[in-house]
Amino acid sequence: MAPLALFVLVYLATLMLTGFAASRLHLRWSFWYFFAAAVAASAAAIYGPERGRWNLGLRVAPPIAIREFGIGVVIAAVLLAAADLLIILTTSLRHVRNDGFPWRELVVVFIPAAVNEELLFRGYVYQKLRQLNRWLAILSTSLVFAALHGGNAGITWVALANIFAAGILLALVYERYERLWAPIGLHLAWNLISGPVMGYNVSGFAAQSTILRTIGSGPPMLTGGVFGVEGSVLTLLVMSAGAGWLSRSNMMRGRRV
């Protein structure tokens, strides 16, 4: 699988070069470096071995892109509302008003992080593996997706299981449309709603400001603890239900996975 090896090598090389250049120029480390690496690696694979004959799933009419992005946002909002309701019903955790939305972090953290991870895990590598076997692609990329979160603050086995389930969920959303706009919308909206809006940590990351914040307490296995809503076993139940619904829906539409 030379194209996949090329993708990984270009990604790592670009990340190292941008990091080195940033350090020499005394610039702060940024998630945009990861995004640049994902773009460079995708371009190298597509315009190298694939000779430009690969549809990554981004080139589509704007109305279709907006619609599918919005569908991803709605899926994220519904799943998070269900998970949050279960947490509130089973613990003393509550939301109260906080200091506002972190607009700077939206640009420097949340947008590049979500798009980078979708290019990495539902982009060229996933799509190439998918040609061999869809479930191989879904499970292997979801496993790596979870493993790369293994060093995050507050990580637990429940959190890892949730990230793995999130990888499956995002892959099934890709399978629904065979484009990247819906997974990007879901991923970005999930991070923004759970963190800057609801006030949970996002995979162990605490936003500098949030519209709401959480007060009260409860068992970390239910509240998610330091890792955030993705550390809760209740979220795992919700995401598993969402993945099951998507899988069944895809099969009914003739998109077998």
Foldseek 3Di string as FASTA:
>chain_A
DVLVVQLVVQLVVQLVVVVVVCVVVVHDDFLVSLLVSLVRSQCCSCCPPVVVPDDFFDPDPVVVLVVLLVLLLVLLVVLVVQLVVQLVVVFVKDKDFWDAFDVVCVVGPLLSVLNSLCSVLVGDVLVVVVVVPNVCSQQVSLLVQLVVLCPAPPDDPQLSLLSSLLSLLLNLSCLQPVHRSSSSSNRSSNCCCQAQERAWAAQLHHDPIHRIHMDGDDPCCSQVPNRGSSSHVSSSVSSVVSSVVSQVVCVVVVRHD
